[in-house]
């Protein structure tokens, strides 16, 4: 990507690499608890609620072309079971690794006159800005990949009854008497005929039966 917009060092997901310097091989380990940003997950399916704690463990390593960031994020995600539609919670752990390049070095660590000379390569790269980097886009991608596209409350969740929508896990013996579709039409016709007979009987004139008997 192109050079980052102006970064705010007060942002909890912005990290400072000045202590590393530009000495290849220098290491720094960090732990930090941050609030989850907005829309942190798979929209409409499952995600980490905005403001929920996200625990970070990071390893920053200085290399020739920039700073290699390796880390793990842990949080609790909330969503809805795709089978029974009940709310669910699950722990999510996402591993990630990303290179943040020096703006004045190419991918081999060699100094270049002006950053961004090769626009196509820059689109796929993340850069340090005044020794700072923003972890949010990397973290967001890692968490999304770690979340299930079809979350379930339990692996063997039976879901809902297709006929009445009852939650099958609450009533394992739940069932409906099956009707053979070959007889369904005849049954409907028989019910219609019975209703017609009842209507005729209710509409008969008094004394008709007596006259017929005479």
C-alpha atoms as a PDB file:
ATOM      1  CA  UNK A   1       0.000   0.000   0.000  1.00  0.00           C
ATOM      2  CA  UNK A   2       1.056   3.581  -0.291  1.00  0.00           C
ATOM      3  CA  UNK A   3       2.711   5.413   2.546  1.00  0.00           C
ATOM      4  CA  UNK A   4       0.520   5.536   5.621  1.00  0.00           C
ATOM      5  CA  UNK A   5      -1.483   8.630   6.454  1.00  0.00           C
ATOM      6  CA  UNK A   6      -0.235  10.541   9.460  1.00  0.00           C
ATOM      7  CA  UNK A   7      -0.206   8.089  12.376  1.00  0.00           C
ATOM      8  CA  UNK A   8      -1.233   9.019  15.911  1.00  0.00           C
ATOM      9  CA  UNK A   9       1.099   7.556  18.526  1.00  0.00           C
ATOM     10  CA  UNK A  10      -1.760   7.747  21.053  1.00  0.00           C
ATOM     11  CA  UNK A  11      -3.719   5.135  19.112  1.00  0.00           C
ATOM     12  CA  UNK A  12      -3.305   1.845  21.040  1.00  0.00           C
ATOM     13  CA  UNK A  13      -2.839  -0.050  17.768  1.00  0.00           C
ATOM     14  CA  UNK A  14      -0.006   2.210  16.630  1.00  0.00           C
ATOM     15  CA  UNK A  15       3.438   0.978  17.736  1.00  0.00           C
ATOM     16  CA  UNK A  16       6.773   2.749  18.012  1.00  0.00           C
ATOM     17  CA  UNK A  17       9.930   1.020  16.728  1.00  0.00           C
ATOM     18  CA  UNK A  18      12.469   3.680  17.691  1.00  0.00           C
ATOM     19  CA  UNK A  19      13.955   1.477  20.422  1.00  0.00           C
ATOM     20  CA  UNK A  20      14.894  -1.092  17.792  1.00  0.00           C
ATOM     21  CA  UNK A  21      16.785   1.397  15.686  1.00  0.00           C
ATOM     22  CA  UNK A  22      17.873   0.074  12.330  1.00  0.00           C
ATOM     23  CA  UNK A  23      20.190  -2.579  13.648  1.00  0.00           C
ATOM     24  CA  UNK A  24      19.384  -5.873  11.858  1.00  0.00           C
ATOM     25  CA  UNK A  25      18.746  -8.607  14.397  1.00  0.00           C
ATOM     26  CA  UNK A  26      17.512  -6.326  17.191  1.00  0.00           C
ATOM     27  CA  UNK A  27      14.424  -7.731  18.935  1.00  0.00           C
ATOM     28  CA  UNK A  28      11.649  -6.325  21.066  1.00  0.00           C
ATOM     29  CA  UNK A  29       8.783  -8.228  22.712  1.00  0.00           C
ATOM     30  CA  UNK A  30       5.560  -6.482  23.658  1.00  0.00           C
ATOM     31  CA  UNK A  31       2.268  -7.393  25.307  1.00  0.00           C
ATOM     32  CA  UNK A  32      -0.689  -5.063  25.147  1.00  0.00           C
ATOM     33  CA  UNK A  33      -4.423  -5.184  25.816  1.00  0.00           C
ATOM     34  CA  UNK A  34      -6.446  -3.021  23.440  1.00  0.00           C
ATOM     35  CA  UNK A  35     -10.132  -2.359  22.790  1.00  0.00           C
ATOM     36  CA  UNK A  36     -11.530  -4.033  19.694  1.00  0.00           C
ATOM     37  CA  UNK A  37     -12.242  -1.538  16.903  1.00  0.00           C
ATOM     38  CA  UNK A  38     -15.602  -1.262  15.169  1.00  0.00           C
ATOM     39  CA  UNK A  39     -16.724  -4.036  12.777  1.00  0.00           C
ATOM     40  CA  UNK A  40     -14.034  -6.401  14.012  1.00  0.00           C
ATOM     41  CA  UNK A  41     -15.073  -9.655  12.391  1.00  0.00           C
ATOM     42  CA  UNK A  42     -17.416 -11.028   9.736  1.00  0.00           C
ATOM     43  CA  UNK A  43     -20.321  -8.591   9.467  1.00  0.00           C
ATOM     44  CA  UNK A  44     -23.688 -10.137  10.224  1.00  0.00           C
ATOM     45  CA  UNK A  45     -22.143 -13.501  11.171  1.00  0.00           C
ATOM     46  CA  UNK A  46     -19.648 -13.338  14.044  1.00  0.00           C
ATOM     47  CA  UNK A  47     -17.134 -10.869  15.429  1.00  0.00           C
ATOM     48  CA  UNK A  48     -15.455  -9.344  18.454  1.00  0.00           C
ATOM     49  CA  UNK A  49     -17.771  -6.672  19.922  1.00  0.00           C
ATOM     50  CA  UNK A  50     -16.519  -3.106  19.672  1.00  0.00           C
ATOM     51  CA  UNK A  51     -14.632  -2.191  22.837  1.00  0.00           C
ATOM     52  CA  UNK A  52     -14.096  -5.789  23.970  1.00  0.00           C
ATOM     53  CA  UNK A  53     -10.545  -6.577  25.163  1.00  0.00           C
ATOM     54  CA  UNK A  54      -8.064  -7.984  22.652  1.00  0.00           C
ATOM     55  CA  UNK A  55      -4.855  -9.396  24.142  1.00  0.00           C
ATOM     56  CA  UNK A  56      -1.767  -8.962  21.966  1.00  0.00           C
ATOM     57  CA  UNK A  57       1.622 -10.642  22.128  1.00  0.00           C
ATOM     58  CA  UNK A  58       4.111  -9.160  19.664  1.00  0.00           C
ATOM     59  CA  UNK A  59       7.662  -9.804  18.539  1.00  0.00           C
ATOM     60  CA  UNK A  60       9.329  -6.958  16.648  1.00  0.00           C
ATOM     61  CA  UNK A  61      12.501  -7.800  14.732  1.00  0.00           C
ATOM     62  CA  UNK A  62      14.663  -5.303  12.879  1.00  0.00           C
ATOM     63  CA  UNK A  63      15.755  -6.536   9.451  1.00  0.00           C
ATOM     64  CA  UNK A  64      17.511  -4.921   6.513  1.00  0.00           C
ATOM     65  CA  UNK A  65      14.353  -3.666   4.788  1.00  0.00           C
ATOM     66  CA  UNK A  66      12.263  -2.759   7.824  1.00  0.00           C
ATOM     67  CA  UNK A  67      10.629  -4.289  10.902  1.00  0.00           C
ATOM     68  CA  UNK A  68       9.166  -7.791  10.873  1.00  0.00           C
ATOM     69  CA  UNK A  69       6.187  -8.034  13.222  1.00  0.00           C
ATOM     70  CA  UNK A  70       5.058 -11.469  14.427  1.00  0.00           C
ATOM     71  CA  UNK A  71       2.247 -11.833  16.908  1.00  0.00           C
ATOM     72  CA  UNK A  72      -0.845 -13.485  18.352  1.00  0.00           C
ATOM     73  CA  UNK A  73      -4.189 -11.898  19.195  1.00  0.00           C
ATOM     74  CA  UNK A  74      -6.721 -13.434  21.588  1.00  0.00           C
ATOM     75  CA  UNK A  75     -10.300 -12.297  22.152  1.00  0.00           C
ATOM     76  CA  UNK A  76     -13.859 -13.516  22.623  1.00  0.00           C
ATOM     77  CA  UNK A  77     -16.170 -13.365  19.640  1.00  0.00           C
ATOM     78  CA  UNK A  78     -19.970 -13.277  19.627  1.00  0.00           C
ATOM     79  CA  UNK A  79     -22.365 -14.423  16.953  1.00  0.00           C
ATOM     80  CA  UNK A  80     -25.326 -16.636  16.137  1.00  0.00           C
ATOM     81  CA  UNK A  81     -25.425 -20.368  15.468  1.00  0.00           C
ATOM     82  CA  UNK A  82     -26.265 -20.922  11.803  1.00  0.00           C
ATOM     83  CA  UNK A  83     -28.238 -24.071  12.654  1.00  0.00           C
ATOM     84  CA  UNK A  84     -30.389 -23.201  15.682  1.00  0.00           C
ATOM     85  CA  UNK A  85     -30.023 -19.373  15.572  1.00  0.00           C
ATOM     86  CA  UNK A  86     -29.106 -19.238  19.275  1.00  0.00           C
ATOM     87  CA  UNK A  87     -26.511 -16.653  20.453  1.00  0.00           C
ATOM     88  CA  UNK A  88     -23.016 -18.059  20.905  1.00  0.00           C
ATOM     89  CA  UNK A  89     -19.614 -17.037  22.200  1.00  0.00           C
ATOM     90  CA  UNK A  90     -16.255 -18.478  21.282  1.00  0.00           C
ATOM     91  CA  UNK A  91     -12.598 -17.793  21.975  1.00  0.00           C
ATOM     92  CA  UNK A  92     -10.634 -16.707  18.935  1.00  0.00           C
ATOM     93  CA  UNK A  93      -6.854 -16.848  18.548  1.00  0.00           C
ATOM     94  CA  UNK A  94      -5.241 -15.337  15.472  1.00  0.00           C
ATOM     95  CA  UNK A  95      -1.574 -15.525  14.481  1.00  0.00           C
ATOM     96  CA  UNK A  96      -0.058 -13.047  12.058  1.00  0.00           C
ATOM     97  CA  UNK A  97       3.230 -11.873  10.577  1.00  0.00           C
ATOM     98  CA  UNK A  98       3.820  -8.729   8.550  1.00  0.00           C
ATOM     99  CA  UNK A  99       6.749  -6.743   7.225  1.00  0.00           C
ATOM    100  CA  UNK A 100       6.678  -2.967   7.686  1.00  0.00           C
ATOM    101  CA  UNK A 101       9.225  -1.524   5.295  1.00  0.00           C
ATOM    102  CA  UNK A 102      11.412   1.527   5.705  1.00  0.00           C
ATOM    103  CA  UNK A 103      10.129   4.194   3.294  1.00  0.00           C
ATOM    104  CA  UNK A 104      13.652   4.725   1.945  1.00  0.00           C
ATOM    105  CA  UNK A 105      14.574   1.078   1.273  1.00  0.00           C
ATOM    106  CA  UNK A 106      13.544  -1.447  -1.365  1.00  0.00           C
ATOM    107  CA  UNK A 107      12.616  -5.060  -0.676  1.00  0.00           C
ATOM    108  CA  UNK A 108      16.316  -5.960  -0.404  1.00  0.00           C
ATOM    109  CA  UNK A 109      17.088  -3.284   2.110  1.00  0.00           C
ATOM    110  CA  UNK A 110      18.874  -1.069  -0.389  1.00  0.00           C
ATOM    111  CA  UNK A 111      18.363   2.682  -0.153  1.00  0.00           C
ATOM    112  CA  UNK A 112      16.242   4.248  -2.861  1.00  0.00           C
ATOM    113  CA  UNK A 113      16.075   7.867  -3.911  1.00  0.00           C
ATOM    114  CA  UNK A 114      12.323   8.323  -3.379  1.00  0.00           C
ATOM    115  CA  UNK A 115       9.803   5.900  -1.902  1.00  0.00           C
ATOM    116  CA  UNK A 116       6.910   4.892  -4.102  1.00  0.00           C
ATOM    117  CA  UNK A 117       8.845   4.868  -7.397  1.00  0.00           C
ATOM    118  CA  UNK A 118       7.303   1.484  -8.208  1.00  0.00           C
ATOM    119  CA  UNK A 119       3.592   2.023  -7.594  1.00  0.00           C
ATOM    120  CA  UNK A 120       2.604  -1.609  -8.220  1.00  0.00           C
ATOM    121  CA  UNK A 121       5.006  -2.960  -5.590  1.00  0.00           C
ATOM    122  CA  UNK A 122       4.040  -0.267  -3.085  1.00  0.00           C
ATOM    123  CA  UNK A 123       0.393  -1.324  -3.238  1.00  0.00           C
ATOM    124  CA  UNK A 124       1.284  -4.649  -1.616  1.00  0.00           C
ATOM    125  CA  UNK A 125       3.598  -3.227   1.036  1.00  0.00           C
ATOM    126  CA  UNK A 126       3.111  -1.616   4.426  1.00  0.00           C
ATOM    127  CA  UNK A 127       5.487   1.141   5.479  1.00  0.00           C
ATOM    128  CA  UNK A 128       6.825   2.617   8.667  1.00  0.00           C
ATOM    129  CA  UNK A 129       6.123   6.284   9.199  1.00  0.00           C
ATOM    130  CA  UNK A 130       8.581   8.105  11.432  1.00  0.00           C
ATOM    131  CA  UNK A 131       9.301   4.774  13.103  1.00  0.00           C
ATOM    132  CA  UNK A 132       5.597   4.066  13.708  1.00  0.00           C
ATOM    133  CA  UNK A 133       3.322   1.383  12.262  1.00  0.00           C
ATOM    134  CA  UNK A 134      -0.427   0.784  12.466  1.00  0.00           C
ATOM    135  CA  UNK A 135      -1.292  -2.815  13.348  1.00  0.00           C
ATOM    136  CA  UNK A 136      -5.071  -2.527  12.844  1.00  0.00           C
ATOM    137  CA  UNK A 137      -5.356  -3.624   9.179  1.00  0.00           C
ATOM    138  CA  UNK A 138      -3.071  -6.604   9.784  1.00  0.00           C
ATOM    139  CA  UNK A 139      -4.907  -7.544  12.972  1.00  0.00           C
ATOM    140  CA  UNK A 140      -8.316  -7.194  11.337  1.00  0.00           C
ATOM    141  CA  UNK A 141      -7.369  -9.508   8.443  1.00  0.00           C
ATOM    142  CA  UNK A 142      -5.922 -12.104  10.841  1.00  0.00           C
ATOM    143  CA  UNK A 143      -9.003 -12.184  13.068  1.00  0.00           C
ATOM    144  CA  UNK A 144     -11.402 -12.455  10.121  1.00  0.00           C
ATOM    145  CA  UNK A 145      -9.443 -15.436   8.764  1.00  0.00           C
ATOM    146  CA  UNK A 146      -9.489 -17.098  12.202  1.00  0.00           C
ATOM    147  CA  UNK A 147     -13.285 -16.858  12.557  1.00  0.00           C
ATOM    148  CA  UNK A 148     -15.648 -19.536  11.184  1.00  0.00           C
ATOM    149  CA  UNK A 149     -17.787 -18.525   8.218  1.00  0.00           C
ATOM    150  CA  UNK A 150     -20.606 -20.727   9.581  1.00  0.00           C
ATOM    151  CA  UNK A 151     -20.378 -20.699  13.398  1.00  0.00           C
ATOM    152  CA  UNK A 152     -22.248 -23.359  15.391  1.00  0.00           C
ATOM    153  CA  UNK A 153     -23.002 -23.503  19.114  1.00  0.00           C
ATOM    154  CA  UNK A 154     -21.726 -27.086  19.142  1.00  0.00           C
ATOM    155  CA  UNK A 155     -20.396 -29.406  16.468  1.00  0.00           C
ATOM    156  CA  UNK A 156     -23.399 -31.743  16.649  1.00  0.00           C
ATOM    157  CA  UNK A 157     -26.079 -29.040  16.888  1.00  0.00           C
ATOM    158  CA  UNK A 158     -29.212 -30.607  15.300  1.00  0.00           C
ATOM    159  CA  UNK A 159     -30.647 -27.213  14.344  1.00  0.00           C
ATOM    160  CA  UNK A 160     -34.357 -26.419  14.022  1.00  0.00           C
ATOM    161  CA  UNK A 161     -37.348 -28.497  12.988  1.00  0.00           C
ATOM    162  CA  UNK A 162     -38.008 -27.855   9.300  1.00  0.00           C
ATOM    163  CA  UNK A 163     -41.773 -27.978   9.862  1.00  0.00           C
ATOM    164  CA  UNK A 164     -42.389 -25.951  13.011  1.00  0.00           C
ATOM    165  CA  UNK A 165     -39.031 -24.298  13.823  1.00  0.00           C
ATOM    166  CA  UNK A 166     -38.643 -25.948  17.232  1.00  0.00           C
ATOM    167  CA  UNK A 167     -35.081 -26.182  18.570  1.00  0.00           C
ATOM    168  CA  UNK A 168     -34.263 -29.891  18.301  1.00  0.00           C
ATOM    169  CA  UNK A 169     -31.566 -29.835  20.979  1.00  0.00           C
ATOM    170  CA  UNK A 170     -34.259 -28.989  23.558  1.00  0.00           C
ATOM    171  CA  UNK A 171     -36.433 -31.937  22.513  1.00  0.00           C
ATOM    172  CA  UNK A 172     -34.432 -34.819  21.000  1.00  0.00           C
ATOM    173  CA  UNK A 173     -37.658 -36.863  20.510  1.00  0.00           C
ATOM    174  CA  UNK A 174     -39.413 -34.077  18.619  1.00  0.00           C
ATOM    175  CA  UNK A 175     -41.072 -35.297  15.427  1.00  0.00           C
ATOM    176  CA  UNK A 176     -44.147 -34.939  13.220  1.00  0.00           C
ATOM    177  CA  UNK A 177     -46.233 -37.807  11.836  1.00  0.00           C
ATOM    178  CA  UNK A 178     -45.268 -38.183   8.227  1.00  0.00           C
ATOM    179  CA  UNK A 179     -48.027 -38.129   5.605  1.00  0.00           C
ATOM    180  CA  UNK A 180     -47.478 -39.949   2.327  1.00  0.00           C
ATOM    181  CA  UNK A 181     -47.736 -37.249  -0.333  1.00  0.00           C
ATOM    182  CA  UNK A 182     -49.393 -39.788  -2.666  1.00  0.00           C
ATOM    183  CA  UNK A 183     -52.425 -39.889  -0.358  1.00  0.00           C
ATOM    184  CA  UNK A 184     -52.394 -36.231   0.651  1.00  0.00           C
ATOM    185  CA  UNK A 185     -54.530 -35.108  -2.319  1.00  0.00           C
ATOM    186  CA  UNK A 186     -57.086 -37.890  -1.749  1.00  0.00           C
ATOM    187  CA  UNK A 187     -57.263 -37.043   1.916  1.00  0.00           C
ATOM    188  CA  UNK A 188     -57.957 -33.413   1.051  1.00  0.00           C
ATOM    189  CA  UNK A 189     -60.715 -34.494  -1.394  1.00  0.00           C
ATOM    190  CA  UNK A 190     -62.281 -36.733   1.234  1.00  0.00           C
ATOM    191  CA  UNK A 191     -62.307 -33.899   3.756  1.00  0.00           C
ATOM    192  CA  UNK A 192     -63.976 -31.638   1.170  1.00  0.00           C
ATOM    193  CA  UNK A 193     -66.674 -34.227   0.468  1.00  0.00           C
ATOM    194  CA  UNK A 194     -67.390 -34.665   4.149  1.00  0.00           C
ATOM    195  CA  UNK A 195     -67.748 -30.919   4.579  1.00  0.00           C
ATOM    196  CA  UNK A 196     -70.158 -30.844   1.622  1.00  0.00           C
ATOM    197  CA  UNK A 197     -72.322 -33.592   3.094  1.00  0.00           C
ATOM    198  CA  UNK A 198     -72.539 -31.717   6.373  1.00  0.00           C
ATOM    199  CA  UNK A 199     -73.638 -28.572   4.534  1.00  0.00           C
ATOM    200  CA  UNK A 200     -76.380 -30.483   2.674  1.00  0.00           C
ATOM    201  CA  UNK A 201     -77.665 -32.074   5.856  1.00  0.00           C
ATOM    202  CA  UNK A 202     -77.785 -28.763   7.658  1.00  0.00           C
ATOM    203  CA  UNK A 203     -79.669 -27.155   4.758  1.00  0.00           C
ATOM    204  CA  UNK A 204     -82.373 -29.873   4.338  1.00  0.00           C
ATOM    205  CA  UNK A 205     -86.053 -28.770   4.747  1.00  0.00           C
ATOM    206  CA  UNK A 206     -87.994 -30.128   7.741  1.00  0.00           C
ATOM    207  CA  UNK A 207     -90.216 -33.094   6.929  1.00  0.00           C
ATOM    208  CA  UNK A 208     -88.421 -34.104   3.739  1.00  0.00           C
ATOM    209  CA  UNK A 209     -87.403 -37.452   5.142  1.00  0.00           C
ATOM    210  CA  UNK A 210     -90.925 -38.123   6.414  1.00  0.00           C
ATOM    211  CA  UNK A 211     -92.472 -37.510   2.985  1.00  0.00           C
ATOM    212  CA  UNK A 212     -89.949 -39.834   1.366  1.00  0.00           C
ATOM    213  CA  UNK A 213     -90.847 -42.577   3.853  1.00  0.00           C
ATOM    214  CA  UNK A 214     -94.592 -42.241   3.058  1.00  0.00           C
END
